[in-house]
């Protein structure tokens, strides 16, 4: 088939699927934003998007739709140029999160359109208003959050099918749209993540960590409240006091992936560090920034316990990867973490805001690693059974594309 992937930060969620379809002999292409400089084996077209500033007073609740539909128009015009040159895909697979797929059916009505429906904004019951420390609450905020979803509803309504990585993320969509969605996780490479007793991880101070060391890890794309960075850091002083040999390794950038930047400038990393820094032994807390994936895998393999927190929002690959690597994951008792971790069976769960509870759980995991061996093995087995890239997820994704193409 002629298969077109559309993602402003390609490859994004299509990291494994696109090259696999190419390897199988399909004609695979991609469209992405020109600011995305990522290179790969799939021929990629790039569009330029320089949006005009949106006037909130003029657009009111429509300001999000204005921005996303403006991008959709740019992508549609770019696609129309490709059609004029003779390119017509059989199946388009695009992420609906930035408006890129909104008008592609107007360009290629004969193509099947599959949208990656990662999350649907909701006024109540998800991330909006979850953490009152960093978000405005009240009915106005409920309407704003729900209003943000207009372009997502349009994207899915005009698609032939949707796909979500978890049941909970699919459930954030209204029932009529949810019936349009299949749940297939992106997949993690369980073979590559098999526990490695020879793994090593070098710290900035020159120390090299190995399996058996008392290592606590925290990993996210960026260090921010949406991923519980503030809760983790506030729990650390008690952990370091109770475990004098513990080394804490924190991976993540200083930017913002979700939510807002801190008022007054700077980063959430530094803002929270200023709050708790005088109670931390900074010689044992190591900020690594963003690290290459190979180093991240080694870190998973030397970690004794891994903390993962999130608002009710999209699930990070890193949590499932860490479970597949055989490391104990202590997760927040929030959706969709609860969909993956069963407390006491495949990991530990702690209420998101329970700072003493986080300290106690991390202290116990560091102090008694042997008590969690069965949980770690159960997590590895579950990850391979439900989330393995080659054995489970890629076959399901390929089957869905094939069914669309033949429909």
Protein backbone atom coordinates (compact mmCIF):
# COMPACT_ATOMS: atom_id res chain seq x y z
CA UNK A 1 0.00 0.00 0.00
CA UNK A 2 0.93 3.67 -0.27
CA UNK A 3 1.12 4.71 3.35
CA UNK A 4 1.50 8.31 4.54
CA UNK A 5 2.39 9.23 8.14
CA UNK A 6 1.62 12.76 9.36
CA UNK A 7 3.13 14.15 12.56
CA UNK A 8 4.57 17.60 13.29
CA UNK A 9 7.38 15.89 15.24
CA UNK A 10 7.73 12.77 13.07
CA UNK A 11 8.46 9.97 13.80
CA UNK A 12 6.76 10.47 17.20
CA UNK A 13 4.53 7.48 17.90
CA UNK A 14 5.38 6.06 14.46
CA UNK A 15 9.03 5.43 15.35
CA UNK A 16 8.78 1.67 14.84
CA UNK A 17 5.71 1.25 12.67
CA UNK A 18 6.77 3.42 9.71
CA UNK A 19 10.14 1.73 9.06
CA UNK A 20 8.59 -1.70 9.65
CA UNK A 21 6.00 -1.05 6.96
CA UNK A 22 8.77 0.16 4.69
CA UNK A 23 10.77 -2.99 5.42
CA UNK A 24 7.75 -5.06 4.39
CA UNK A 25 7.81 -3.48 0.95
CA UNK A 26 5.13 -0.79 1.24
CA UNK A 27 5.57 2.69 -0.22
CA UNK A 28 5.95 4.71 2.98
CA UNK A 29 6.22 8.50 3.16
CA UNK A 30 5.90 11.08 5.92
CA UNK A 31 4.88 14.73 6.32
CA UNK A 32 6.26 16.83 9.17
CA UNK A 33 6.90 20.41 10.23
CA UNK A 34 10.00 22.01 8.71
CA UNK A 35 11.33 22.84 12.18
CA UNK A 36 11.62 19.10 12.83
CA UNK A 37 15.11 18.12 11.69
CA UNK A 38 14.90 14.42 12.57
CA UNK A 39 16.23 12.13 9.87
CA UNK A 40 15.35 8.52 9.18
CA UNK A 41 14.87 5.88 6.49
CA UNK A 42 11.39 7.05 5.42
CA UNK A 43 11.26 9.77 2.70
CA UNK A 44 9.88 12.85 4.43
CA UNK A 45 8.21 16.00 3.13
CA UNK A 46 8.31 19.15 5.28
CA UNK A 47 5.80 22.00 5.42
CA UNK A 48 6.40 25.45 6.88
CA UNK A 49 3.99 26.72 9.50
CA UNK A 50 4.37 30.27 10.82
CA UNK A 51 1.06 31.01 12.53
CA UNK A 52 -0.25 34.48 13.15
CA UNK A 53 -0.70 35.46 16.77
CA UNK A 54 -4.14 34.55 18.09
CA UNK A 55 -6.12 37.31 19.76
CA UNK A 56 -7.77 35.66 22.80
CA UNK A 57 -10.36 38.44 23.08
CA UNK A 58 -11.46 38.01 19.47
CA UNK A 59 -11.45 34.22 19.40
CA UNK A 60 -12.37 33.52 23.06
CA UNK A 61 -12.95 29.74 23.44
CA UNK A 62 -12.13 29.28 19.76
CA UNK A 63 -8.50 30.36 20.10
CA UNK A 64 -7.22 26.79 20.33
CA UNK A 65 -9.28 25.77 17.31
CA UNK A 66 -7.98 28.79 15.40
CA UNK A 67 -4.38 27.76 15.91
CA UNK A 68 -4.92 24.08 15.17
CA UNK A 69 -7.11 24.66 12.12
CA UNK A 70 -4.55 27.14 10.77
CA UNK A 71 -1.99 24.35 10.84
CA UNK A 72 -4.51 22.00 9.26
CA UNK A 73 -5.03 24.45 6.40
CA UNK A 74 -1.28 24.70 5.80
CA UNK A 75 -0.93 20.91 5.74
CA UNK A 76 -3.95 20.54 3.44
CA UNK A 77 -2.52 23.03 0.96
CA UNK A 78 0.81 21.24 1.12
CA UNK A 79 -1.01 17.94 0.52
CA UNK A 80 -2.95 19.43 -2.39
CA UNK A 81 0.36 20.26 -4.05
CA UNK A 82 1.45 16.65 -3.63
CA UNK A 83 -1.80 15.47 -5.18
CA UNK A 84 -1.33 17.82 -8.15
CA UNK A 85 2.02 16.08 -8.69
CA UNK A 86 0.30 12.70 -8.73
CA UNK A 87 0.77 11.43 -5.18
CA UNK A 88 -2.31 9.72 -3.71
CA UNK A 89 -1.90 7.54 -0.58
CA UNK A 90 -4.03 4.51 0.18
CA UNK A 91 -3.90 5.02 3.95
CA UNK A 92 -3.02 8.12 5.98
CA UNK A 93 -2.01 7.69 9.62
CA UNK A 94 -1.73 11.02 11.42
CA UNK A 95 -1.67 12.35 14.96
CA UNK A 96 -4.76 14.43 15.64
CA UNK A 97 -3.16 16.52 18.38
CA UNK A 98 -2.06 19.51 16.29
CA UNK A 99 -4.78 19.79 13.64
CA UNK A 100 -2.71 18.34 10.81
CA UNK A 101 -5.31 15.76 9.74
CA UNK A 102 -8.34 18.08 9.81
CA UNK A 103 -8.70 18.62 6.05
CA UNK A 104 -6.76 15.74 4.51
CA UNK A 105 -9.98 13.95 3.52
CA UNK A 106 -10.82 17.01 1.41
CA UNK A 107 -7.57 16.48 -0.49
CA UNK A 108 -7.60 12.70 -0.68
CA UNK A 109 -11.23 11.54 -0.22
CA UNK A 110 -10.38 8.11 -1.61
CA UNK A 111 -7.73 7.49 1.07
CA UNK A 112 -8.49 5.83 4.39
CA UNK A 113 -7.65 8.07 7.34
CA UNK A 114 -6.49 6.67 10.68
CA UNK A 115 -5.92 9.19 13.47
CA UNK A 116 -3.84 8.71 16.59
CA UNK A 117 -6.37 9.84 19.21
CA UNK A 118 -3.98 10.17 22.12
CA UNK A 119 -6.13 12.20 24.47
CA UNK A 120 -9.36 14.21 24.50
CA UNK A 121 -9.50 17.33 26.62
CA UNK A 122 -12.12 17.19 29.34
CA UNK A 123 -13.37 19.81 31.76
CA UNK A 124 -13.80 17.27 34.56
CA UNK A 125 -12.17 13.93 35.35
CA UNK A 126 -8.74 14.26 33.75
CA UNK A 127 -5.79 16.66 34.02
CA UNK A 128 -7.77 19.90 34.18
CA UNK A 129 -8.03 21.06 37.79
CA UNK A 130 -6.34 17.91 39.10
CA UNK A 131 -3.54 19.77 40.86
CA UNK A 132 -4.92 23.02 42.33
CA UNK A 133 -1.41 24.17 43.23
CA UNK A 134 -0.62 24.75 39.56
CA UNK A 135 -3.98 25.06 37.81
CA UNK A 136 -6.99 27.31 38.02
CA UNK A 137 -10.18 25.65 39.18
CA UNK A 138 -13.78 26.67 38.67
CA UNK A 139 -16.47 26.44 36.04
CA UNK A 140 -14.74 28.82 33.61
CA UNK A 141 -11.72 26.51 33.55
CA UNK A 142 -14.00 23.52 32.94
CA UNK A 143 -15.48 25.23 29.88
CA UNK A 144 -12.07 26.28 28.58
CA UNK A 145 -10.69 22.75 28.88
CA UNK A 146 -13.71 21.17 27.21
CA UNK A 147 -13.67 23.83 24.49
CA UNK A 148 -10.11 22.90 23.58
CA UNK A 149 -11.32 19.54 22.28
CA UNK A 150 -13.34 20.88 19.32
CA UNK A 151 -10.66 20.19 16.72
CA UNK A 152 -10.02 16.73 18.16
CA UNK A 153 -13.68 15.82 17.76
CA UNK A 154 -13.62 17.06 14.19
CA UNK A 155 -10.45 15.11 13.41
CA UNK A 156 -11.90 11.85 14.67
CA UNK A 157 -15.36 12.42 13.17
CA UNK A 158 -13.86 12.74 9.69
CA UNK A 159 -11.50 9.78 10.09
CA UNK A 160 -12.19 6.19 9.17
CA UNK A 161 -10.76 4.96 12.47
CA UNK A 162 -8.96 6.11 15.59
CA UNK A 163 -6.31 4.47 17.72
CA UNK A 164 -5.43 5.14 21.39
CA UNK A 165 -2.58 3.59 23.40
CA UNK A 166 -4.55 2.83 26.58
CA UNK A 167 -8.14 2.10 27.50
CA UNK A 168 -8.30 5.14 29.76
CA UNK A 169 -6.97 7.51 27.10
CA UNK A 170 -9.58 6.13 24.71
CA UNK A 171 -12.24 6.60 27.39
CA UNK A 172 -11.56 10.35 27.61
CA UNK A 173 -13.40 10.67 24.27
CA UNK A 174 -17.20 11.03 24.24
CA UNK A 175 -19.02 7.69 23.73
CA UNK A 176 -19.85 8.32 20.05
CA UNK A 177 -16.18 8.97 19.29
CA UNK A 178 -14.93 6.24 21.64
CA UNK A 179 -16.79 3.66 19.54
CA UNK A 180 -14.59 4.75 16.63
CA UNK A 181 -11.33 3.93 18.46
CA UNK A 182 -9.25 0.76 18.80
CA UNK A 183 -6.85 0.49 21.73
CA UNK A 184 -3.33 -0.57 20.75
CA UNK A 185 -0.28 0.46 22.75
CA UNK A 186 2.73 1.86 20.88
CA UNK A 187 4.94 -0.98 22.10
CA UNK A 188 8.27 -1.32 23.91
CA UNK A 189 11.20 -3.44 22.79
CA UNK A 190 11.21 -6.08 25.52
CA UNK A 191 14.14 -7.94 23.94
CA UNK A 192 16.37 -4.88 24.15
CA UNK A 193 15.18 -4.20 27.69
CA UNK A 194 16.01 -7.66 29.07
CA UNK A 195 17.82 -7.23 32.42
CA UNK A 196 21.57 -6.86 31.97
CA UNK A 197 23.69 -7.65 35.05
CA UNK A 198 26.72 -6.07 33.33
CA UNK A 199 25.05 -2.69 32.81
CA UNK A 200 26.83 0.42 34.04
CA UNK A 201 25.80 4.07 34.26
CA UNK A 202 28.30 6.91 34.66
CA UNK A 203 27.44 9.93 36.80
CA UNK A 204 28.75 13.45 36.11
CA UNK A 205 31.06 13.21 39.14
CA UNK A 206 32.82 10.18 37.66
CA UNK A 207 31.20 7.50 39.79
CA UNK A 208 29.93 4.51 37.84
CA UNK A 209 26.75 2.87 39.08
CA UNK A 210 26.22 -0.87 38.74
CA UNK A 211 23.49 -3.35 39.49
CA UNK A 212 23.33 -3.87 43.24
CA UNK A 213 23.96 -0.22 44.03
CA UNK A 214 21.22 1.64 45.86
CA UNK A 215 19.86 3.67 42.94
CA UNK A 216 16.56 5.56 42.78
CA UNK A 217 15.49 6.95 39.40
CA UNK A 218 13.04 9.49 38.04
CA UNK A 219 12.68 9.93 34.26
CA UNK A 220 10.56 12.21 32.11
CA UNK A 221 10.97 14.22 28.91
CA UNK A 222 10.84 17.41 30.99
CA UNK A 223 10.78 17.96 34.74
CA UNK A 224 7.39 19.52 35.44
CA UNK A 225 4.29 19.28 37.65
CA UNK A 226 2.26 17.26 35.09
CA UNK A 227 4.70 14.40 35.72
CA UNK A 228 4.86 14.88 39.48
CA UNK A 229 8.36 16.32 39.66
CA UNK A 230 7.35 18.56 42.58
CA UNK A 231 5.95 15.63 44.58
CA UNK A 232 9.01 13.48 43.95
CA UNK A 233 11.42 16.23 44.99
CA UNK A 234 9.46 17.03 48.13
CA UNK A 235 9.61 13.35 49.13
CA UNK A 236 13.38 13.09 48.58
CA UNK A 237 14.73 14.66 51.81
CA UNK A 238 13.29 11.88 53.97
CA UNK A 239 14.52 9.23 51.53
CA UNK A 240 18.09 10.54 51.56
CA UNK A 241 18.05 10.87 55.34
CA UNK A 242 16.88 7.28 55.80
CA UNK A 243 19.13 5.77 53.11
CA UNK A 244 22.63 7.31 53.40
CA UNK A 245 23.97 5.14 50.54
CA UNK A 246 21.21 6.01 48.07
CA UNK A 247 22.05 7.70 44.78
CA UNK A 248 19.21 9.55 43.03
CA UNK A 249 19.39 9.90 39.24
CA UNK A 250 16.97 12.31 37.57
CA UNK A 251 16.60 12.39 33.79
CA UNK A 252 14.67 15.12 31.98
CA UNK A 253 14.96 18.51 30.36
CA UNK A 254 14.29 21.97 31.74
CA UNK A 255 11.44 22.77 29.35
CA UNK A 256 7.68 22.25 29.48
CA UNK A 257 5.96 19.46 27.58
CA UNK A 258 2.55 19.90 29.20
CA UNK A 259 0.87 22.63 31.15
CA UNK A 260 2.37 26.05 31.76
CA UNK A 261 5.85 27.34 32.43
CA UNK A 262 6.40 28.76 35.91
CA UNK A 263 5.38 32.36 36.38
CA UNK A 264 8.28 34.77 36.45
CA UNK A 265 10.47 32.72 34.13
CA UNK A 266 12.96 29.97 34.80
CA UNK A 267 12.27 26.24 34.90
CA UNK A 268 10.19 23.99 37.12
CA UNK A 269 13.37 22.07 37.83
CA UNK A 270 15.02 25.08 39.44
CA UNK A 271 11.82 26.42 41.01
CA UNK A 272 11.22 23.21 43.00
CA UNK A 273 14.92 22.73 43.69
CA UNK A 274 15.02 26.14 45.32
CA UNK A 275 12.17 25.02 47.57
CA UNK A 276 13.77 21.78 48.80
CA UNK A 277 17.44 22.16 47.93
CA UNK A 278 18.66 23.06 51.41
CA UNK A 279 17.21 19.76 52.70
CA UNK A 280 18.93 17.60 50.08
CA UNK A 281 22.38 16.07 50.02
CA UNK A 282 23.18 17.47 46.59
CA UNK A 283 26.21 15.18 46.23
CA UNK A 284 23.76 12.27 45.92
CA UNK A 285 21.16 13.87 43.64
CA UNK A 286 22.26 13.83 40.01
CA UNK A 287 20.47 15.79 37.29
CA UNK A 288 21.38 14.24 33.94
CA UNK A 289 19.31 16.37 31.55
CA UNK A 290 18.31 14.36 28.49
CA UNK A 291 20.39 11.26 27.81
CA UNK A 292 20.80 8.95 24.78
CA UNK A 293 18.43 6.00 24.76
CA UNK A 294 21.24 3.45 25.18
CA UNK A 295 22.33 5.20 28.38
CA UNK A 296 18.72 5.33 29.56
CA UNK A 297 18.42 1.55 29.16
CA UNK A 298 21.59 1.07 31.20
CA UNK A 299 20.14 3.34 33.88
CA UNK A 300 16.97 1.24 34.02
CA UNK A 301 19.08 -1.85 34.52
CA UNK A 302 21.04 -0.45 37.46
CA UNK A 303 18.02 1.19 39.11
CA UNK A 304 16.68 -0.47 42.25
CA UNK A 305 13.47 1.57 42.34
CA UNK A 306 11.87 3.94 39.84
CA UNK A 307 9.29 6.62 40.69
CA UNK A 308 6.72 7.51 38.04
CA UNK A 309 4.04 10.11 38.65
CA UNK A 310 1.55 11.71 36.30
CA UNK A 311 -1.63 13.71 36.33
CA UNK A 312 -4.53 11.77 34.75
CA UNK A 313 -3.07 12.22 31.28
CA UNK A 314 -1.14 10.33 28.61
CA UNK A 315 1.08 7.46 29.73
CA UNK A 316 4.84 7.72 29.21
CA UNK A 317 6.68 4.97 27.37
CA UNK A 318 9.38 5.17 30.05
CA UNK A 319 7.15 3.67 32.73
CA UNK A 320 6.38 0.55 30.71
CA UNK A 321 9.99 0.31 29.54
CA UNK A 322 11.22 0.39 33.13
CA UNK A 323 8.85 -2.43 34.07
CA UNK A 324 10.03 -4.44 31.06
CA UNK A 325 13.61 -3.90 32.22
CA UNK A 326 12.83 -5.62 35.52
CA UNK A 327 13.00 -2.55 37.75
CA UNK A 328 10.44 -1.96 40.48
CA UNK A 329 8.15 0.91 39.50
CA UNK A 330 6.41 2.94 42.18
CA UNK A 331 3.60 4.71 40.34
CA UNK A 332 1.00 7.31 41.15
CA UNK A 333 -2.51 6.07 41.82
CA UNK A 334 -3.83 7.90 38.77
CA UNK A 335 -5.16 6.94 35.36
CA UNK A 336 -3.78 5.47 33.20
CA UNK A 337 -1.02 4.19 35.54
CA UNK A 338 -3.59 2.04 37.36
CA UNK A 339 -4.38 0.34 34.05
CA UNK A 340 -0.81 -0.99 33.90
CA UNK A 341 0.26 -1.42 37.53
CA UNK A 342 -1.64 -3.55 40.02
CA UNK A 343 -0.49 -2.56 43.50
CA UNK A 344 1.54 -5.31 45.12
CA UNK A 345 1.43 -7.45 41.97
CA UNK A 346 3.25 -5.63 39.15
CA UNK A 347 4.45 -2.60 41.09
CA UNK A 348 3.53 -0.21 43.88
CA UNK A 349 0.91 2.54 43.78
CA UNK A 350 0.90 5.66 45.94
CA UNK A 351 -1.64 8.47 45.97
CA UNK A 352 -0.24 11.28 43.83
CA UNK A 353 -0.24 13.96 46.57
CA UNK A 354 0.83 11.71 49.49
CA UNK A 355 4.37 12.97 50.03
CA UNK A 356 5.02 10.91 53.22
CA UNK A 357 3.62 7.89 51.40
CA UNK A 358 6.07 8.42 48.53
CA UNK A 359 8.98 8.74 50.94
CA UNK A 360 7.99 5.55 52.76
CA UNK A 361 7.49 3.55 49.56
CA UNK A 362 10.83 4.59 48.10
CA UNK A 363 12.68 3.99 51.36
CA UNK A 364 11.25 0.47 51.65
CA UNK A 365 12.05 -0.35 48.01
CA UNK A 366 15.65 0.74 48.49
CA UNK A 367 16.02 -1.01 51.85
CA UNK A 368 14.46 -4.37 50.91
CA UNK A 369 15.10 -5.14 47.24
CA UNK A 370 14.69 -8.87 47.80
CA UNK A 371 11.10 -8.33 48.97
CA UNK A 372 10.15 -7.06 45.51
CA UNK A 373 11.72 -9.72 43.29
CA UNK A 374 8.41 -11.43 42.53
CA UNK A 375 6.78 -8.09 41.68
CA UNK A 376 9.60 -7.19 39.32
CA UNK A 377 9.35 -10.54 37.55
CA UNK A 378 5.57 -10.22 37.29
CA UNK A 379 5.96 -6.73 35.80
CA UNK A 380 8.42 -8.02 33.19
CA UNK A 381 6.08 -10.84 32.24
CA UNK A 382 3.09 -8.51 32.00
CA UNK A 383 5.03 -6.02 29.86
CA UNK A 384 5.99 -8.74 27.40
CA UNK A 385 2.48 -10.20 27.32
CA UNK A 386 0.63 -6.91 26.79
CA UNK A 387 3.06 -4.27 25.54
CA UNK A 388 5.88 -5.99 23.64
CA UNK A 389 6.65 -4.19 20.39
CA UNK A 390 7.42 -7.13 18.11
CA UNK A 391 5.25 -9.79 19.66
CA UNK A 392 2.08 -7.82 20.39
CA UNK A 393 1.79 -4.18 19.40
CA UNK A 394 3.32 -3.99 15.92
CA UNK A 395 1.27 -6.98 14.66
CA UNK A 396 -1.92 -5.31 15.93
CA UNK A 397 -1.02 -1.96 14.34
CA UNK A 398 -0.15 -3.61 11.01
CA UNK A 399 -3.37 -5.60 11.08
CA UNK A 400 -5.36 -2.41 11.59
CA UNK A 401 -3.64 -0.68 8.67
CA UNK A 402 -4.20 -3.73 6.48
CA UNK A 403 -7.89 -3.89 7.36
CA UNK A 404 -8.31 -0.21 6.57
CA UNK A 405 -6.58 -0.60 3.24
CA UNK A 406 -8.84 -3.50 2.26
CA UNK A 407 -12.09 -2.00 3.55
